[in-house]
């Protein structure tokens, strides 16, 4: 789930994006991640079409995960509220205006 950066009518909204993993990545996530724990995922967006049982055409958009990274420990999930912005993920690095090329 990804929280939207705005509220509509005073309520929070989120988008639930299906993520597909294979191999060791899916095994690790299945063994060590629980509902509500945040992950950082990298991958490609895949849009595919299929025919439903009723004959209608359906579209699915999903992320095919190439890399997943734990960004919090299990203990943090139950003790701290979820951050509302990216600033909470680490330290800000100063911008160097000199370009090396």
N, C-alpha and C. Protein backbone atom coordinates (compact mmCIF):
# COMPACT_ATOMS: atom_id res chain seq x y z
N UNK A 1 0.84 -1.18 0.00
CA UNK A 1 0.00 0.00 0.00
C UNK A 1 0.89 1.24 0.00
N UNK A 2 0.47 2.23 -0.76
CA UNK A 2 1.20 3.50 -0.82
C UNK A 2 0.21 4.60 -0.47
N UNK A 3 0.50 5.34 0.61
CA UNK A 3 -0.36 6.45 1.00
C UNK A 3 -0.30 7.56 -0.03
N UNK A 4 -1.43 8.12 -0.35
CA UNK A 4 -1.45 9.29 -1.24
C UNK A 4 -1.03 10.52 -0.45
N UNK A 5 -0.37 11.47 -1.10
CA UNK A 5 0.15 12.63 -0.38
C UNK A 5 -0.92 13.66 -0.04
N UNK A 6 -2.15 13.40 -0.30
CA UNK A 6 -3.22 14.35 -0.01
C UNK A 6 -4.40 13.60 0.60
N UNK A 7 -5.29 14.35 1.20
CA UNK A 7 -6.50 13.74 1.73
C UNK A 7 -7.70 14.26 0.95
N UNK A 8 -8.68 13.42 0.83
CA UNK A 8 -9.90 13.79 0.13
C UNK A 8 -11.04 13.72 1.14
N UNK A 9 -11.71 14.82 1.33
CA UNK A 9 -12.82 14.89 2.30
C UNK A 9 -12.36 14.54 3.71
N UNK A 10 -11.11 14.84 4.03
CA UNK A 10 -10.60 14.60 5.37
C UNK A 10 -10.20 13.17 5.68
N UNK A 11 -10.32 12.27 4.72
CA UNK A 11 -9.95 10.88 4.98
C UNK A 11 -8.68 10.52 4.21
N UNK A 12 -7.90 9.61 4.78
CA UNK A 12 -6.66 9.17 4.15
C UNK A 12 -6.99 8.13 3.08
N UNK A 13 -6.26 8.19 1.98
CA UNK A 13 -6.44 7.21 0.92
C UNK A 13 -5.11 6.55 0.61
N UNK A 14 -5.16 5.32 0.15
CA UNK A 14 -3.96 4.59 -0.22
C UNK A 14 -4.22 3.81 -1.50
N UNK A 15 -3.17 3.59 -2.24
CA UNK A 15 -3.24 2.75 -3.42
C UNK A 15 -2.58 1.42 -3.07
N UNK A 16 -3.24 0.33 -3.42
CA UNK A 16 -2.69 -1.00 -3.17
C UNK A 16 -2.15 -1.52 -4.49
N UNK A 17 -0.84 -1.65 -4.57
CA UNK A 17 -0.16 -2.01 -5.81
C UNK A 17 0.34 -3.43 -5.70
N UNK A 18 -0.12 -4.32 -6.58
CA UNK A 18 0.36 -5.70 -6.53
C UNK A 18 1.85 -5.76 -6.91
N UNK A 19 2.63 -6.47 -6.11
CA UNK A 19 4.05 -6.66 -6.38
C UNK A 19 4.31 -8.16 -6.54
N UNK A 20 5.07 -8.53 -7.56
CA UNK A 20 5.35 -9.93 -7.85
C UNK A 20 6.84 -10.18 -7.61
N UNK A 21 7.14 -11.19 -6.80
CA UNK A 21 8.53 -11.57 -6.54
C UNK A 21 8.72 -13.04 -6.86
N UNK A 22 9.96 -13.42 -7.13
CA UNK A 22 10.30 -14.81 -7.44
C UNK A 22 11.56 -15.19 -6.69
N UNK A 23 11.78 -16.48 -6.53
CA UNK A 23 13.03 -17.00 -6.01
C UNK A 23 13.33 -16.60 -4.58
N UNK A 24 14.60 -16.31 -4.34
CA UNK A 24 15.09 -16.00 -2.99
C UNK A 24 14.42 -14.76 -2.41
N UNK A 25 14.13 -13.77 -3.27
CA UNK A 25 13.47 -12.55 -2.80
C UNK A 25 12.11 -12.88 -2.19
N UNK A 26 11.32 -13.69 -2.87
CA UNK A 26 10.00 -14.02 -2.34
C UNK A 26 10.10 -14.88 -1.09
N UNK A 27 11.09 -15.75 -1.02
CA UNK A 27 11.29 -16.58 0.16
C UNK A 27 11.64 -15.71 1.37
N UNK A 28 12.54 -14.76 1.18
CA UNK A 28 12.96 -13.87 2.27
C UNK A 28 11.79 -13.02 2.75
N UNK A 29 11.04 -12.43 1.82
CA UNK A 29 9.89 -11.60 2.20
C UNK A 29 8.85 -12.45 2.93
N UNK A 30 8.58 -13.64 2.43
CA UNK A 30 7.61 -14.52 3.07
C UNK A 30 7.98 -14.92 4.48
N UNK A 31 9.28 -15.06 4.73
CA UNK A 31 9.75 -15.51 6.05
C UNK A 31 9.94 -14.38 7.05
N UNK A 32 10.26 -13.16 6.59
CA UNK A 32 10.68 -12.12 7.52
C UNK A 32 9.83 -10.85 7.51
N UNK A 33 8.85 -10.74 6.66
CA UNK A 33 8.03 -9.52 6.59
C UNK A 33 6.61 -9.85 7.02
N UNK A 34 6.03 -8.96 7.81
CA UNK A 34 4.65 -9.15 8.24
C UNK A 34 3.81 -7.95 7.78
N UNK A 35 2.52 -8.09 7.86
CA UNK A 35 1.59 -7.05 7.43
C UNK A 35 1.88 -5.74 8.17
N UNK A 36 1.96 -4.66 7.42
CA UNK A 36 2.20 -3.34 7.99
C UNK A 36 3.65 -2.93 8.00
N UNK A 37 4.56 -3.87 7.75
CA UNK A 37 5.99 -3.54 7.74
C UNK A 37 6.33 -2.94 6.38
N UNK A 38 7.14 -1.87 6.41
CA UNK A 38 7.48 -1.17 5.17
C UNK A 38 8.70 -1.79 4.49
N UNK A 39 8.64 -1.86 3.17
CA UNK A 39 9.74 -2.33 2.34
C UNK A 39 9.99 -1.31 1.25
N UNK A 40 11.22 -1.26 0.80
CA UNK A 40 11.57 -0.47 -0.37
C UNK A 40 11.74 -1.47 -1.50
N UNK A 41 10.98 -1.32 -2.58
CA UNK A 41 11.10 -2.26 -3.69
C UNK A 41 11.51 -1.51 -4.96
N UNK A 42 12.33 -2.19 -5.76
CA UNK A 42 12.72 -1.70 -7.07
C UNK A 42 12.30 -2.74 -8.08
N UNK A 43 11.83 -2.30 -9.21
CA UNK A 43 11.43 -3.24 -10.24
C UNK A 43 10.88 -2.53 -11.44
N UNK A 44 10.24 -3.30 -12.27
CA UNK A 44 9.66 -2.73 -13.49
C UNK A 44 8.14 -2.84 -13.41
N UNK A 45 7.50 -1.90 -14.07
CA UNK A 45 6.05 -1.88 -14.13
C UNK A 45 5.61 -2.78 -15.28
N UNK A 46 4.66 -3.65 -15.00
CA UNK A 46 4.14 -4.55 -16.03
C UNK A 46 2.63 -4.37 -16.13
N UNK A 47 2.15 -4.18 -17.34
CA UNK A 47 0.72 -4.09 -17.59
C UNK A 47 0.37 -5.24 -18.52
N UNK A 48 -0.58 -6.05 -18.10
CA UNK A 48 -0.96 -7.20 -18.92
C UNK A 48 -2.48 -7.31 -19.00
N UNK A 49 -2.92 -8.02 -20.01
CA UNK A 49 -4.35 -8.20 -20.25
C UNK A 49 -4.67 -9.68 -20.20
N UNK A 50 -5.85 -9.99 -19.69
CA UNK A 50 -6.31 -11.38 -19.71
C UNK A 50 -7.82 -11.41 -19.89
N UNK A 51 -8.33 -12.56 -20.30
CA UNK A 51 -9.76 -12.75 -20.48
C UNK A 51 -10.33 -13.41 -19.22
N UNK A 52 -11.32 -12.77 -18.62
CA UNK A 52 -11.96 -13.29 -17.42
C UNK A 52 -12.90 -14.45 -17.78
N UNK A 53 -13.34 -15.18 -16.78
CA UNK A 53 -14.23 -16.32 -17.01
C UNK A 53 -15.53 -15.91 -17.67
N UNK A 54 -15.98 -14.67 -17.40
CA UNK A 54 -17.23 -14.21 -18.00
C UNK A 54 -17.04 -13.69 -19.42
N UNK A 55 -15.81 -13.77 -19.95
CA UNK A 55 -15.54 -13.35 -21.32
C UNK A 55 -15.07 -11.91 -21.45
N UNK A 56 -15.12 -11.13 -20.38
CA UNK A 56 -14.67 -9.74 -20.45
C UNK A 56 -13.14 -9.67 -20.40
N UNK A 57 -12.61 -8.60 -20.95
CA UNK A 57 -11.17 -8.39 -20.93
C UNK A 57 -10.80 -7.58 -19.68
N UNK A 58 -9.77 -7.99 -18.99
CA UNK A 58 -9.31 -7.32 -17.78
C UNK A 58 -7.86 -6.90 -17.95
N UNK A 59 -7.50 -5.82 -17.28
CA UNK A 59 -6.14 -5.30 -17.30
C UNK A 59 -5.58 -5.34 -15.88
N UNK A 60 -4.31 -5.70 -15.75
CA UNK A 60 -3.65 -5.75 -14.46
C UNK A 60 -2.35 -4.96 -14.56
N UNK A 61 -2.11 -4.09 -13.59
CA UNK A 61 -0.85 -3.36 -13.50
C UNK A 61 -0.16 -3.82 -12.23
N UNK A 62 1.10 -4.25 -12.34
CA UNK A 62 1.82 -4.77 -11.19
C UNK A 62 3.30 -4.43 -11.30
N UNK A 63 3.99 -4.49 -10.18
CA UNK A 63 5.43 -4.27 -10.15
C UNK A 63 6.12 -5.63 -10.08
N UNK A 64 7.00 -5.89 -11.03
CA UNK A 64 7.84 -7.09 -11.00
C UNK A 64 9.10 -6.70 -10.25
N UNK A 65 9.25 -7.21 -9.03
CA UNK A 65 10.30 -6.77 -8.11
C UNK A 65 11.65 -7.39 -8.50
N UNK A 66 12.65 -6.52 -8.68
CA UNK A 66 14.02 -6.97 -8.91
C UNK A 66 14.81 -6.98 -7.61
N UNK A 67 14.48 -6.06 -6.70
CA UNK A 67 15.22 -5.90 -5.45
C UNK A 67 14.27 -5.39 -4.38
N UNK A 68 14.37 -5.97 -3.20
CA UNK A 68 13.58 -5.50 -2.05
C UNK A 68 14.52 -5.26 -0.89
N UNK A 69 14.25 -4.20 -0.13
CA UNK A 69 15.12 -3.83 0.98
C UNK A 69 14.27 -3.52 2.21
N UNK A 70 14.68 -4.05 3.35
CA UNK A 70 14.01 -3.76 4.61
C UNK A 70 14.38 -2.35 5.02
N UNK A 71 13.40 -1.52 5.34
CA UNK A 71 13.69 -0.15 5.76
C UNK A 71 13.31 0.11 7.21
N UNK A 72 12.83 -0.91 7.90
CA UNK A 72 12.55 -0.80 9.33
C UNK A 72 12.58 -2.19 9.93
N UNK A 73 12.85 -2.24 11.21
CA UNK A 73 12.85 -3.51 11.93
C UNK A 73 11.44 -3.83 12.40
N UNK A 74 11.19 -5.08 12.68
CA UNK A 74 9.86 -5.48 13.15
C UNK A 74 9.47 -4.74 14.42
N UNK A 75 10.44 -4.50 15.33
CA UNK A 75 10.14 -3.80 16.57
C UNK A 75 9.66 -2.38 16.31
N UNK A 76 10.20 -1.72 15.27
CA UNK A 76 9.82 -0.34 14.96
C UNK A 76 8.39 -0.25 14.47
N UNK A 77 7.91 -1.26 13.80
CA UNK A 77 6.57 -1.23 13.22
C UNK A 77 5.50 -1.03 14.29
N UNK A 78 5.62 -1.74 15.40
CA UNK A 78 4.59 -1.64 16.42
C UNK A 78 4.79 -0.48 17.38
N UNK A 79 6.02 0.07 17.44
CA UNK A 79 6.30 1.12 18.41
C UNK A 79 6.17 2.53 17.85
N UNK A 80 6.46 2.73 16.58
CA UNK A 80 6.48 4.07 16.02
C UNK A 80 5.42 4.23 14.95
N UNK A 81 4.81 5.42 14.88
CA UNK A 81 3.86 5.66 13.78
C UNK A 81 4.62 5.76 12.47
N UNK A 82 3.95 5.48 11.38
CA UNK A 82 4.58 5.56 10.07
C UNK A 82 4.91 7.00 9.72
N UNK A 83 6.10 7.27 9.16
CA UNK A 83 6.46 8.63 8.79
C UNK A 83 5.60 9.12 7.63
N UNK A 84 5.42 10.42 7.57
CA UNK A 84 4.58 10.99 6.53
C UNK A 84 5.35 11.53 5.35
N UNK A 85 6.69 11.51 5.41
CA UNK A 85 7.47 12.02 4.29
C UNK A 85 8.77 11.25 4.16
N UNK A 86 9.47 11.45 3.06
CA UNK A 86 10.72 10.76 2.78
C UNK A 86 11.86 11.23 3.66
N UNK A 87 11.76 12.40 4.30
CA UNK A 87 12.84 12.91 5.14
C UNK A 87 13.17 11.95 6.28
N UNK A 88 12.22 11.17 6.72
CA UNK A 88 12.44 10.29 7.85
C UNK A 88 13.23 9.04 7.49
N UNK A 89 13.55 8.83 6.22
CA UNK A 89 14.26 7.63 5.80
C UNK A 89 15.76 7.75 5.95
N UNK A 90 16.31 8.90 6.25
CA UNK A 90 17.76 9.02 6.41
C UNK A 90 18.19 10.46 6.49
N UNK A 91 19.51 10.65 6.47
CA UNK A 91 20.06 11.98 6.56
C UNK A 91 20.08 12.65 5.19
N UNK A 92 19.92 13.96 5.21
CA UNK A 92 20.00 14.71 3.97
C UNK A 92 21.48 14.92 3.64
N UNK A 93 21.83 14.69 2.39
CA UNK A 93 23.21 14.86 1.94
C UNK A 93 23.34 16.24 1.33
N UNK A 94 24.37 17.01 1.70
CA UNK A 94 24.51 18.35 1.14
C UNK A 94 24.77 18.28 -0.37
N UNK A 95 24.22 19.26 -1.09
CA UNK A 95 24.36 19.31 -2.54
C UNK A 95 25.67 20.00 -2.90
N UNK A 96 26.50 19.34 -3.70
CA UNK A 96 27.76 19.91 -4.17
C UNK A 96 27.53 20.46 -5.56
N UNK A 97 27.69 21.76 -5.73
CA UNK A 97 27.36 22.39 -7.00
C UNK A 97 28.39 22.12 -8.09
N UNK A 98 29.56 21.61 -7.74
CA UNK A 98 30.57 21.31 -8.75
C UNK A 98 30.24 19.99 -9.42
N UNK A 99 30.19 20.00 -10.72
CA UNK A 99 29.92 18.80 -11.49
C UNK A 99 31.27 18.19 -11.89
N UNK A 100 31.51 16.91 -11.63
CA UNK A 100 32.83 16.32 -11.84
C UNK A 100 33.18 16.05 -13.30
N UNK A 101 32.37 16.43 -14.25
CA UNK A 101 32.72 16.18 -15.65
C UNK A 101 32.52 17.41 -16.49
